Protein backbone atom coordinates (compact mmCIF):
# COMPACT_ATOMS: atom_id res chain seq x y z
CA LYS A 1 -32.75 -7.50 -1.00
CA TRP A 2 -36.48 -6.75 -0.76
CA PHE A 3 -36.08 -3.50 -2.74
CA PRO A 4 -33.03 -3.60 -5.03
CA LEU A 5 -32.71 -0.11 -6.00
CA GLY A 6 -28.89 0.22 -5.61
CA ARG A 7 -26.97 3.31 -4.41
CA PRO A 8 -26.74 5.19 -8.04
CA ALA A 9 -30.43 4.91 -8.41
CA ALA A 10 -31.08 5.93 -4.88
CA ALA A 11 -28.81 9.06 -5.29
CA LEU A 12 -30.79 9.89 -8.40
CA LEU A 13 -34.06 9.42 -6.63
CA GLY A 14 -32.84 11.76 -3.81
CA ALA A 15 -31.89 14.50 -6.35
CA ALA A 16 -35.26 14.29 -8.09
CA ALA A 17 -36.98 14.40 -4.79
CA MET A 18 -35.15 17.57 -3.90
CA VAL A 19 -36.53 18.98 -7.04
CA ILE A 20 -39.93 17.78 -6.86
CA LEU A 21 -40.42 19.04 -3.24
CA GLN A 22 -38.73 22.33 -4.54
CA VAL A 23 -35.93 22.44 -2.16
CA VAL A 24 -33.83 22.98 -5.10
CA THR A 25 -34.83 24.86 -8.16
CA GLN A 26 -34.23 23.51 -11.55
CA GLN A 27 -31.93 26.31 -12.22
CA GLU A 28 -30.18 25.50 -9.12
CA VAL A 29 -29.43 21.89 -10.42
CA TYR A 30 -27.18 23.17 -13.36
CA ASP A 31 -25.49 25.48 -11.00
CA ILE A 32 -24.76 22.70 -8.47
CA GLN A 33 -23.62 20.35 -11.44
CA GLY A 34 -21.37 23.04 -12.75
CA ASP A 35 -19.85 23.86 -9.33
CA PHE A 36 -16.15 23.89 -9.43
CA GLY A 37 -15.65 21.35 -6.62
CA ASN A 38 -18.31 18.91 -8.18
CA LEU A 39 -16.89 19.18 -11.63
CA GLN A 40 -13.24 18.59 -10.24
CA THR A 41 -14.50 15.40 -8.69
CA ILE A 42 -16.04 14.02 -11.84
CA PHE A 43 -12.93 14.96 -14.00
CA LEU A 44 -10.84 13.36 -11.55
CA LEU A 45 -12.84 10.06 -11.64
CA VAL A 46 -13.03 9.88 -15.16
CA GLY A 47 -9.32 10.37 -15.75
CA MET A 48 -8.32 7.87 -13.45
CA MET A 49 -10.81 5.22 -14.70
CA MET A 50 -9.12 5.76 -18.20
CA ILE A 51 -5.79 5.55 -16.99
CA SER A 52 -6.50 2.50 -14.51
CA TYR A 53 -7.87 0.65 -17.71
CA TYR A 54 -4.48 1.12 -19.60
CA TYR A 55 -2.57 -0.13 -16.53
CA ASP A 56 -4.79 -3.20 -16.36
CA ARG A 57 -4.64 -3.84 -20.14
CA GLU A 58 -0.85 -3.92 -20.24
CA GLY A 59 -0.78 -6.17 -17.17
CA LEU A 60 0.92 -3.52 -14.69
CA LEU A 61 -2.00 -4.01 -12.27
CA ARG A 62 -1.37 -7.74 -12.35
CA LEU A 63 2.00 -7.25 -11.18
CA VAL A 64 0.83 -5.47 -8.06
CA ALA A 65 -1.90 -8.31 -7.47
CA LEU A 66 0.90 -10.92 -8.01
CA TYR A 67 2.97 -9.18 -5.19
CA ILE A 68 -0.17 -9.17 -2.80
CA PHE A 69 -1.71 -12.65 -3.55
CA GLY A 70 1.11 -14.54 -5.06
CA ASN A 71 0.38 -17.56 -7.60
CA ASP A 72 -1.40 -19.66 -5.22
CA ASN A 73 -3.69 -18.84 -2.24
CA LYS A 74 -1.54 -17.18 0.28
CA PRO A 75 -2.85 -17.10 3.98
CA PHE A 76 -4.88 -14.28 4.18
CA LYS A 77 -2.99 -12.58 7.03
CA TYR A 78 -0.15 -12.02 4.84
CA ILE A 79 -2.67 -10.17 2.29
CA LEU A 80 -4.65 -7.81 4.45
CA TRP A 81 -1.84 -5.70 5.64
CA LYS A 82 -0.49 -5.33 1.96
CA VAL A 83 -3.86 -4.05 0.62
CA CYS A 84 -4.07 -1.77 3.36
CA LEU A 85 -0.72 -0.07 2.99
CA LEU A 86 -1.17 -0.14 -1.01
CA SER A 87 -4.28 1.87 -0.28
CA ALA A 88 -2.98 4.34 2.06
CA VAL A 89 0.36 5.15 0.00
CA LEU A 90 -1.64 5.43 -3.21
CA SER A 91 -4.31 7.57 -1.70
CA ALA A 92 -1.70 10.26 -0.41
CA PHE A 93 -0.47 10.69 -3.95
CA VAL A 94 -3.56 10.40 -6.29
CA THR A 95 -6.43 11.03 -3.76
CA ASN A 96 -8.31 8.57 -1.84
CA ASP A 97 -11.23 8.64 -4.30
CA ALA A 98 -8.76 7.58 -7.20
CA ALA A 99 -6.84 4.79 -5.14
CA CYS A 100 -10.33 3.02 -4.11
CA LEU A 101 -11.21 3.39 -7.80
CA VAL A 102 -8.25 1.59 -9.04
CA ILE A 103 -7.79 -0.90 -5.79
CA THR A 104 -11.19 -2.18 -5.42
CA PRO A 105 -11.80 -3.93 -8.77
CA LEU A 106 -7.95 -5.24 -8.64
CA ILE A 107 -8.41 -6.95 -5.32
CA ALA A 108 -12.01 -7.88 -6.11
CA SER A 109 -11.07 -9.64 -9.49
CA GLU A 110 -8.25 -11.68 -7.57
CA PHE A 111 -10.73 -12.85 -5.06
CA VAL A 112 -12.65 -14.30 -7.68
CA LYS A 113 -9.98 -15.89 -9.58
CA GLN A 114 -8.35 -17.56 -6.51
CA CYS A 115 -11.83 -18.56 -5.12
CA ARG A 116 -10.81 -17.34 -1.86
CA ASN A 117 -13.11 -17.66 1.16
CA LYS A 118 -15.97 -15.28 1.36
CA ARG A 119 -15.35 -14.15 4.89
CA GLU A 120 -12.25 -12.56 3.84
CA PHE A 121 -13.91 -9.84 1.48
CA LEU A 122 -15.28 -7.88 4.25
CA PRO A 123 -12.06 -6.87 6.11
CA VAL A 124 -10.25 -6.18 2.77
CA LEU A 125 -13.09 -3.85 1.49
CA LEU A 126 -12.98 -2.15 5.00
CA GLY A 127 -9.14 -2.21 4.90
CA ILE A 128 -9.31 -0.32 1.48
CA ALA A 129 -11.89 2.14 2.38
CA THR A 130 -10.47 3.36 5.86
CA SER A 131 -6.75 3.08 4.99
CA ALA A 132 -7.51 5.25 2.00
CA ASN A 133 -9.12 7.82 4.01
CA ILE A 134 -6.42 7.94 6.68
CA GLY A 135 -3.56 7.90 4.38
CA SER A 136 -5.09 10.85 2.20
CA ALA A 137 -4.89 12.92 5.23
CA ALA A 138 -1.14 13.23 5.07
CA THR A 139 -0.85 15.39 1.86
CA VAL A 140 -2.53 18.34 0.36
CA PHE A 141 -3.87 16.65 -2.66
CA GLY A 142 -4.80 13.47 -0.72
CA ASN A 143 -8.44 14.32 -0.75
CA PRO A 144 -10.51 17.31 -1.89
CA GLN A 145 -11.21 18.90 1.38
CA ASN A 146 -7.46 19.07 2.12
CA ALA A 147 -6.89 20.91 -1.24
CA PHE A 148 -9.80 23.36 -0.29
CA ILE A 149 -8.50 24.02 3.38
CA ALA A 150 -5.07 24.65 2.03
CA SER A 151 -6.31 27.32 -0.26
CA ALA A 152 -9.03 28.64 1.97
CA ALA A 153 -7.07 28.53 5.12
CA ASN A 154 -3.76 29.40 3.93
CA VAL A 155 -2.12 26.10 5.19
CA ALA A 156 1.32 25.48 3.50
CA LEU A 157 2.50 21.96 2.09
CA VAL A 158 4.94 21.77 4.66
CA ASN A 159 2.51 22.23 7.59
CA PHE A 160 0.54 19.14 6.32
CA PHE A 161 3.67 17.18 6.19
CA GLN A 162 4.85 18.23 9.53
CA ALA A 163 1.60 17.59 11.22
CA LEU A 164 -0.68 15.20 9.48
CA LEU A 165 2.06 12.82 7.90
CA PRO A 166 3.04 11.47 11.41
CA ALA A 167 -0.57 11.09 12.29
CA ALA A 168 -1.41 9.40 8.95
CA ILE A 169 1.43 6.92 9.47
CA PHE A 170 0.25 6.17 13.15
CA GLY A 171 -3.39 5.82 12.05
CA THR A 172 -2.78 3.60 9.40
CA MET A 173 -0.64 1.23 11.49
CA PHE A 174 -3.13 1.38 14.28
CA ASN A 175 -5.98 0.64 11.49
CA ILE A 176 -4.25 -2.52 10.25
CA ALA A 177 -3.77 -3.57 14.01
CA LEU A 178 -7.53 -3.05 14.76
CA LEU A 179 -8.61 -5.04 11.44
CA TYR A 180 -6.42 -7.69 12.57
CA LEU A 181 -8.07 -7.76 16.01
CA PHE A 182 -11.62 -7.04 14.93
CA PHE A 183 -11.64 -9.81 12.36
CA PHE A 184 -9.04 -12.26 14.41
CA ARG A 185 -11.00 -15.48 13.59
CA THR A 186 -11.17 -14.71 9.91
CA VAL A 187 -7.50 -13.50 9.49
CA PHE A 188 -6.17 -16.46 11.21
CA GLY A 189 -8.77 -19.02 10.11
CA LYS A 190 -9.98 -19.60 14.00
CA TYR A 191 -13.70 -20.35 12.95
CA ASP A 192 -15.94 -23.20 12.17
CA PRO A 193 -16.54 -23.70 8.32
CA SER A 194 -20.52 -24.51 9.11
CA GLU A 195 -20.65 -20.65 10.20
CA ASP A 196 -20.26 -19.63 6.67
CA GLU A 197 -23.99 -20.04 5.70
CA GLU A 198 -24.56 -16.82 7.86
CA THR A 199 -22.06 -14.99 5.79
CA GLN A 200 -22.66 -13.10 2.45
CA ALA A 201 -20.90 -14.89 -0.09
CA ILE A 202 -18.70 -13.06 -3.05
CA GLY A 203 -21.18 -12.88 -6.08
CA ASN A 204 -24.02 -14.38 -4.18
CA ALA A 205 -26.32 -11.50 -4.31
CA ARG A 206 -28.55 -13.57 -6.75
CA PRO A 207 -29.61 -17.06 -6.10
CA SER A 208 -28.93 -18.41 -9.39
CA HIS A 209 -26.68 -17.89 -12.38
CA TYR A 210 -24.64 -14.82 -12.53
CA ASN A 211 -21.52 -13.68 -14.31
CA ILE A 212 -18.20 -12.45 -12.50
CA PRO A 213 -16.03 -10.63 -15.30
CA THR A 214 -12.59 -11.63 -13.87
CA THR A 215 -10.70 -9.37 -16.27
CA LEU A 216 -11.50 -6.04 -17.81
CA ALA A 217 -11.90 -7.27 -21.19
CA GLU A 218 -14.46 -9.71 -19.96
CA GLU A 219 -16.27 -6.80 -18.20
CA ARG A 220 -16.26 -4.96 -21.60
CA GLU A 221 -17.52 -7.98 -23.50
CA SER A 222 -20.16 -8.55 -20.96
CA LEU A 223 -21.30 -5.03 -21.26
CA ALA A 224 -21.04 -5.13 -25.05
CA LEU A 225 -23.11 -8.33 -25.19
CA SER A 226 -26.03 -6.60 -23.42
CA TYR A 227 -26.33 -3.97 -26.47
CA ASN A 228 -28.03 -6.83 -28.44
CA HIS A 229 -24.71 -8.82 -29.03
CA SER A 230 -22.85 -5.87 -30.21
CA GLN A 231 -23.91 -4.12 -33.53
CA ASP A 232 -20.78 -2.47 -33.71
CA PRO A 233 -18.50 -4.80 -35.98
CA TYR A 234 -15.44 -3.08 -35.08
CA LEU A 235 -16.27 -3.78 -31.40
CA SER A 236 -17.04 -7.39 -31.94
CA SER A 237 -13.58 -7.91 -33.69
CA GLN A 238 -11.76 -6.13 -31.10
CA ILE A 239 -13.57 -8.40 -28.43
CA ALA A 240 -12.65 -11.42 -30.25
CA ARG A 241 -8.92 -10.50 -30.57
CA GLU A 242 -9.03 -9.99 -26.90
CA ARG A 243 -10.24 -13.47 -26.19
CA ASP A 244 -7.76 -14.81 -28.60
CA ALA A 245 -4.95 -13.10 -26.52
CA ILE A 246 -6.53 -14.46 -23.25
CA TYR A 247 -6.93 -18.12 -24.34
CA THR A 248 -4.30 -18.66 -26.67
CA ASN A 249 -0.62 -19.56 -26.11
CA THR A 250 2.42 -17.96 -27.48
CA ASP A 251 2.88 -20.73 -29.98
CA GLY A 252 -0.59 -20.21 -31.40
CA SER A 253 -2.14 -23.24 -29.71
CA TYR A 254 -5.37 -22.95 -27.66
CA ARG A 255 -4.73 -23.36 -23.67
CA ARG A 256 -6.44 -26.17 -22.21
CA GLY A 257 -8.85 -25.84 -19.01
CA ARG A 258 -8.37 -27.41 -15.55
CA HIS A 259 -10.42 -30.41 -16.74
CA GLY A 260 -8.57 -31.07 -19.98
CA LYS A 261 -11.11 -29.42 -22.21
CA ARG A 262 -9.94 -26.96 -24.97
CA SER A 263 -10.84 -23.40 -23.75
CA SER A 264 -13.01 -21.92 -26.45
CA PRO A 265 -11.66 -18.64 -27.87
CA TYR A 266 -15.05 -17.77 -28.58
CA PRO A 267 -17.62 -18.40 -25.82
CA ASN A 268 -21.27 -17.09 -26.63
CA ARG A 269 -20.81 -15.15 -23.30
CA VAL A 270 -18.84 -14.79 -20.00
CA PRO A 271 -18.71 -18.12 -18.17
CA ASP A 272 -21.26 -18.45 -15.52
CA ILE A 273 -20.57 -19.80 -12.00
CA ARG A 274 -23.57 -21.43 -10.32
CA ILE A 275 -23.98 -20.99 -6.60
CA GLN A 276 -24.76 -24.00 -4.64
CA ASP A 277 -26.17 -24.28 -1.25
CA GLU A 278 -23.69 -22.67 1.28
CA SER A 279 -23.63 -25.87 3.43
CA ASN A 280 -22.23 -27.79 0.79
CA ARG A 281 -19.17 -25.80 0.23
CA GLN A 282 -15.75 -26.14 1.97
CA LYS A 283 -15.14 -22.87 3.96
CA GLY A 284 -17.28 -20.75 1.58
CA ALA A 285 -14.95 -21.50 -1.48
CA LEU A 286 -16.55 -21.88 -4.90
CA PRO A 287 -16.93 -25.67 -5.66
CA GLU A 288 -14.20 -26.67 -8.20
CA SER A 289 -16.74 -28.70 -10.12
CA GLU A 290 -18.69 -25.53 -10.89
CA LEU A 291 -15.86 -23.20 -11.85
CA PRO A 292 -15.71 -21.72 -15.65
CA ASP A 293 -13.54 -23.73 -17.70
CA ILE A 294 -10.55 -21.51 -17.32
CA PRO A 295 -6.70 -22.37 -17.81
CA GLU A 296 -4.32 -23.75 -15.22
CA GLU A 297 -1.85 -21.26 -13.56
CA GLU A 298 1.00 -23.50 -14.62
CA GLU A 299 -0.15 -22.80 -18.18
CA GLU A 300 0.33 -19.04 -17.44
CA VAL A 301 -3.16 -18.04 -17.95
CA ASN A 302 -2.49 -14.44 -16.72
CA LYS A 303 1.13 -14.11 -17.46
CA VAL A 304 2.18 -10.75 -17.92
CA LYS A 305 4.53 -9.82 -20.70
CA SER A 306 8.11 -9.08 -19.97
CA LEU A 307 9.87 -5.98 -21.54
CA LYS A 308 11.68 -8.54 -24.01
CA GLU A 309 8.59 -10.16 -25.29
CA ARG A 310 6.90 -6.85 -26.14
CA THR A 311 7.20 -4.91 -29.52
CA ILE A 312 8.80 -1.56 -29.47
CA ARG A 313 5.45 0.07 -29.96
CA GLU A 314 4.40 -1.68 -26.58
CA LYS A 315 7.45 -0.90 -24.85
CA LEU A 316 6.82 2.82 -25.89
CA PHE A 317 3.49 2.82 -24.59
CA VAL A 318 4.29 1.25 -21.12
CA GLY A 319 6.89 4.01 -20.85
CA TRP A 320 4.70 6.66 -21.67
CA LEU A 321 2.06 5.18 -19.02
CA LEU A 322 4.92 5.36 -16.39
CA PHE A 323 5.81 8.77 -17.23
CA VAL A 324 2.36 10.38 -17.56
CA THR A 325 1.73 8.86 -13.85
CA LEU A 326 4.91 10.30 -12.69
CA LEU A 327 4.06 13.41 -14.22
CA VAL A 328 0.65 13.77 -12.87
CA VAL A 329 1.84 12.87 -9.20
CA GLY A 330 4.60 15.41 -9.63
CA LEU A 331 2.26 18.22 -10.91
CA LEU A 332 0.01 17.54 -8.04
CA ALA A 333 2.30 17.02 -5.37
CA VAL A 334 4.90 19.93 -6.05
CA PRO A 335 3.55 23.31 -6.00
CA PRO A 336 4.43 25.51 -8.87
CA PRO A 337 7.16 28.22 -8.13
CA PRO A 338 5.56 31.83 -7.35
CA THR A 339 6.98 33.01 -10.70
CA VAL A 340 4.58 30.54 -12.59
CA SER A 341 1.17 31.74 -12.85
CA VAL A 342 -0.25 28.32 -14.11
CA GLU A 343 -2.36 26.16 -11.65
CA PHE A 344 -2.49 22.40 -11.83
CA ASN A 345 -5.86 21.51 -10.95
CA LEU A 346 -6.76 18.25 -9.20
CA GLY A 347 -9.44 17.17 -11.90
CA LEU A 348 -8.13 18.44 -15.04
CA VAL A 349 -4.63 16.99 -14.74
CA PRO A 350 -5.87 13.38 -14.48
CA LEU A 351 -8.36 13.99 -17.22
CA CYS A 352 -5.92 15.61 -19.71
CA ALA A 353 -3.45 12.54 -18.77
CA GLY A 354 -6.21 10.26 -19.63
CA ILE A 355 -7.00 11.83 -22.81
CA LEU A 356 -3.36 11.87 -23.98
CA THR A 357 -2.67 8.42 -23.04
CA MET A 358 -5.92 7.48 -25.31
CA LEU A 359 -4.19 9.51 -28.07
CA VAL A 360 -0.62 7.86 -27.62
CA ASP A 361 -2.45 4.56 -27.69
CA THR A 362 -4.11 5.08 -30.69
CA ILE A 363 -1.06 6.25 -32.52
CA LEU A 364 1.19 3.36 -31.21
CA ASN A 365 -1.12 0.48 -30.83
CA LYS A 366 -3.70 1.51 -33.32
CA THR A 367 -6.44 0.88 -30.86
CA TYR A 368 -9.99 2.41 -31.15
CA ALA A 369 -10.42 4.91 -28.23
CA TYR A 370 -13.84 3.75 -27.56
CA ASP A 371 -12.17 0.86 -25.57
CA ALA A 372 -11.04 3.14 -22.87
CA MET A 373 -14.29 5.03 -22.77
CA LEU A 374 -16.27 2.15 -22.39
CA LYS A 375 -14.33 1.29 -19.18
CA ILE A 376 -15.71 4.39 -17.70
CA ASP A 377 -17.95 3.35 -14.81
CA TRP A 378 -20.71 5.78 -15.70
CA THR A 379 -23.14 4.33 -12.86
CA VAL A 380 -20.61 5.75 -10.58
CA ILE A 381 -20.59 9.13 -12.23
CA LEU A 382 -24.47 9.47 -12.21
CA MET A 383 -24.41 8.43 -8.50
CA PHE A 384 -22.20 11.41 -7.59
CA MET A 385 -24.27 13.65 -9.90
CA GLY A 386 -27.25 12.60 -7.69
CA LEU A 387 -25.29 13.15 -4.70
CA PHE A 388 -24.44 16.62 -5.69
CA VAL A 389 -27.90 17.69 -6.12
CA TRP A 390 -28.81 16.03 -2.98
CA LEU A 391 -26.25 17.45 -0.74
CA GLY A 392 -26.80 20.78 -2.30
CA GLY A 393 -30.46 20.83 -1.43
CA PHE A 394 -29.61 19.82 2.37
CA GLN A 395 -27.21 22.77 2.51
CA MET A 396 -29.61 24.95 1.18
CA THR A 397 -31.84 24.18 4.48
CA CYS A 398 -29.26 26.35 6.38
CA TYR A 399 -29.21 23.59 9.12
CA PRO A 400 -25.51 23.06 9.02
CA THR A 401 -24.56 26.66 9.03
CA LEU A 402 -27.05 27.72 11.83
CA SER A 403 -25.80 24.62 13.77
CA PHE A 404 -22.28 25.75 13.78
CA ARG A 405 -23.04 29.24 14.71
CA MET A 406 -24.80 28.25 17.73
CA LEU A 407 -21.87 25.97 18.93
CA LYS A 408 -18.98 28.38 17.74
CA PRO A 409 -18.89 30.44 21.04
CA TYR A 410 -18.05 26.98 22.85
CA MET A 411 -15.60 25.72 20.46
CA ASN A 412 -12.54 27.39 21.44
CA LEU A 413 -9.53 25.42 19.90
CA TYR A 414 -7.32 26.57 22.84
CA LYS A 415 -9.20 24.53 25.15
CA VAL A 416 -9.49 20.97 25.57
CA GLU A 417 -13.24 20.87 25.86
CA GLY A 418 -13.53 23.26 22.75
CA VAL A 419 -11.50 20.88 20.74
CA LEU A 420 -13.52 17.98 21.82
CA LEU A 421 -16.92 19.77 20.89
CA PHE A 422 -15.30 20.74 17.51
CA THR A 423 -14.31 17.36 16.80
CA VAL A 424 -17.77 15.84 17.76
CA PHE A 425 -19.34 18.57 15.59
CA VAL A 426 -17.20 17.80 12.48
CA ILE A 427 -17.72 13.79 12.82
CA ILE A 428 -21.45 14.05 12.95
CA GLY A 429 -21.31 16.71 10.10
CA SER A 430 -19.22 14.80 8.07
CA ASN A 431 -21.54 11.81 8.21
CA LEU A 432 -24.86 13.74 7.74
CA PHE A 433 -23.84 15.42 4.70
CA SER A 434 -20.26 14.25 3.66
CA ASN A 435 -17.00 15.92 4.78
CA VAL A 436 -16.38 18.02 1.76
CA PRO A 437 -19.68 20.06 1.93
CA LEU A 438 -19.11 20.51 5.50
CA VAL A 439 -15.65 21.80 4.94
CA ILE A 440 -16.78 24.14 2.36
CA LEU A 441 -19.50 25.58 4.85
CA ILE A 442 -17.28 26.24 7.83
CA VAL A 443 -13.66 26.60 6.40
CA HIS A 444 -13.91 30.44 6.26
CA GLN A 445 -15.02 30.68 9.91
CA ILE A 446 -12.64 28.31 11.69
CA GLN A 447 -10.20 31.28 12.40
CA GLU A 448 -12.74 32.60 14.75
CA LEU A 449 -12.46 29.67 17.06
CA CYS A 450 -9.72 30.85 19.54
CA GLY A 451 -11.90 32.64 21.82
CA GLU A 452 -11.90 36.50 21.60
CA GLU A 453 -9.04 36.57 19.54
CA GLU A 454 -8.32 35.24 15.85
CA CYS A 455 -6.47 32.26 15.33
CA THR A 456 -2.98 32.68 14.20
CA GLY A 457 -1.08 29.69 12.29
CA PRO A 458 -2.27 26.49 10.82
CA LEU A 459 -3.90 24.95 13.83
CA PRO A 460 -7.49 25.48 12.96
CA GLY A 461 -7.16 24.41 9.49
CA LEU A 462 -4.86 21.05 10.29
CA LEU A 463 -7.46 20.12 12.84
CA LEU A 464 -10.25 20.53 10.47
CA ALA A 465 -8.20 18.59 7.74
CA TRP A 466 -7.50 15.65 10.24
CA ILE A 467 -10.91 15.28 11.85
CA SER A 468 -13.23 15.67 8.65
CA THR A 469 -10.82 13.26 6.81
CA VAL A 470 -10.81 10.35 9.39
CA ALA A 471 -14.59 10.99 10.17
CA GLY A 472 -15.18 9.90 6.70
CA ASN A 473 -14.46 6.34 8.02
CA PHE A 474 -17.48 6.33 10.56
CA THR A 475 -20.25 5.49 8.20
CA LEU A 476 -20.69 4.23 4.66
CA ILE A 477 -21.87 7.71 3.44
CA GLY A 478 -19.25 9.55 5.50
CA SER A 479 -16.61 9.63 2.37
CA VAL A 480 -16.97 9.41 -1.16
CA ALA A 481 -14.29 6.94 -1.24
CA ASN A 482 -16.34 4.56 0.63
CA LEU A 483 -19.23 4.76 -1.50
CA ILE A 484 -16.59 3.90 -4.41
CA VAL A 485 -15.50 0.91 -2.70
CA ALA A 486 -19.03 -0.22 -2.16
CA GLU A 487 -20.00 0.23 -5.88
CA LYS A 488 -17.09 -1.14 -7.20
CA ALA A 489 -17.32 -4.35 -5.09
CA ARG A 490 -20.75 -4.81 -6.07
CA SER A 491 -19.99 -4.52 -9.87
CA SER A 492 -16.67 -6.36 -9.78
CA ALA A 493 -17.57 -9.24 -7.44
CA ASN A 494 -21.46 -8.90 -7.06
CA TYR A 495 -20.86 -8.39 -3.10
CA ILE A 496 -23.09 -6.15 -1.00
CA LEU A 497 -21.25 -4.10 1.41
CA SER A 498 -24.02 -3.12 3.56
CA PHE A 499 -24.47 0.11 5.87
CA TRP A 500 -24.53 -1.95 9.00
CA ASN A 501 -21.54 -3.99 8.22
CA TYR A 502 -19.47 -1.17 7.70
CA LEU A 503 -20.73 0.80 10.74
CA LYS A 504 -19.95 -1.93 13.15
CA TYR A 505 -16.20 -1.69 12.35
CA GLY A 506 -16.17 2.29 11.27
CA LEU A 507 -17.67 3.52 14.39
CA VAL A 508 -14.90 1.93 16.60
CA SER A 509 -12.16 2.50 14.30
CA THR A 510 -13.01 6.19 13.82
CA ILE A 511 -13.13 7.09 17.43
CA LEU A 512 -9.95 5.14 18.50
CA ILE A 513 -7.73 6.32 15.29
CA LEU A 514 -8.95 9.88 15.29
CA PHE A 515 -8.76 10.72 19.16
CA SER A 516 -5.56 8.84 19.52
CA ALA A 517 -3.68 10.84 17.04
CA LEU A 518 -5.42 14.01 17.72
CA PRO A 519 -3.04 15.30 20.40
CA VAL A 520 -0.10 14.71 18.10
CA VAL A 521 -1.74 16.75 15.31
CA TYR A 522 -2.61 19.56 17.78
CA PHE A 523 1.14 19.31 19.31
CA LEU A 524 2.77 19.58 15.72
CA ALA A 525 0.34 21.95 14.44
CA LYS A 526 1.47 24.35 17.27
CA VAL A 527 5.03 23.82 16.77
């Protein structure tokens, strides 16, 4: 609060410091940005951002939100476990980073729309991040480090399923139970409403007016208005048509708001919500008298079009969306036969899918492609570009490699104490400079961790995959997925997920889940 620099700017500042202090040369900055793994991450994020925009625009994400939240305020105990399962399952198929990128703004917008209690947002964010990391451990394509381990350590897809899928299922269930236990009073409503004064309110990072875009269309409108009220006449007309679609009934009449007023289809800006003093609010919810003039639920504000209500072109586009999604999952999940020399890359496949979807949308719906590109969150992309340089500079100090070489004689994976030391090293290393760089540094040496003999079989690779993935839950900076959740929560609901709030749960859950499932991974990896 006293120095609101923000994570993206802090990452760029750290990268600049590495260059200024000559830890990284200017030429090495370009080499780091052009690194295969770094570009793969950027391409994956951009592609999934584009695809998620089309899913939201067509109302398909709204169906998921309706399943989780319903049309009214469900008790929180029926919501939390669904969010965790959705995050874990989706991350196993489209990577943990992409899952958090799609799920976090979806859940955040529903919290804002339903004016849910602000206490509930913290366990939901923790559930999304931790479940995504745990679920991603089950498959080779669940996260970047698994894909790298499978390639460098020659671990087959079937070995991942055999050893890590049971551990991921156990870990996800354990994580849900821990969330319910850790936030017992919040989940079951066993707390005093007066305590809400001590809790961060959703969207209350600023004491005065603030704008919360509750749909992607409003988010785009807010961004466009920041560019001098949009000098692009086509964009202005496109936004106007989206307002019409939001505020107009099927018969052409304007919907009326909750106070009987006609909802204006052309507001000057996104509706403001004024935050009053916390003590005057019932259980932390936004006061109804200060809510924006939005339509009633019975008037079907957020109604999702059925297939019968869609035109043929709209049906074809929805069919294409489902087809290209299944195609991406299939290409990443099923390895090509040995006779096929084509490699389906984790970054290029989603990016190409997003570009082709943009083309199909232009052909079928005559929609300007600028809409999809505007939805890309470039602050997240810049944050990762800064992180890549900062992490690259830290690796060039050689401290991680020297530490591993010093401890390597004591990390015998055929002994209990060796496995425990290896686990502690990976946990600490993953949270000092993230799990992916750590895996890249040591994956080629893990076959030497079996005493005097070289390791045989997939045991070292599977242990490294499980420990490095779950260790990402330890702190907020332990995993890229955690940073995505924190950044999207800030941009979608103006909520600050602090390092300390994350650590209080992440430390406990990581140690309990990692060590409780470690014997399962060890036994199944040796079978």
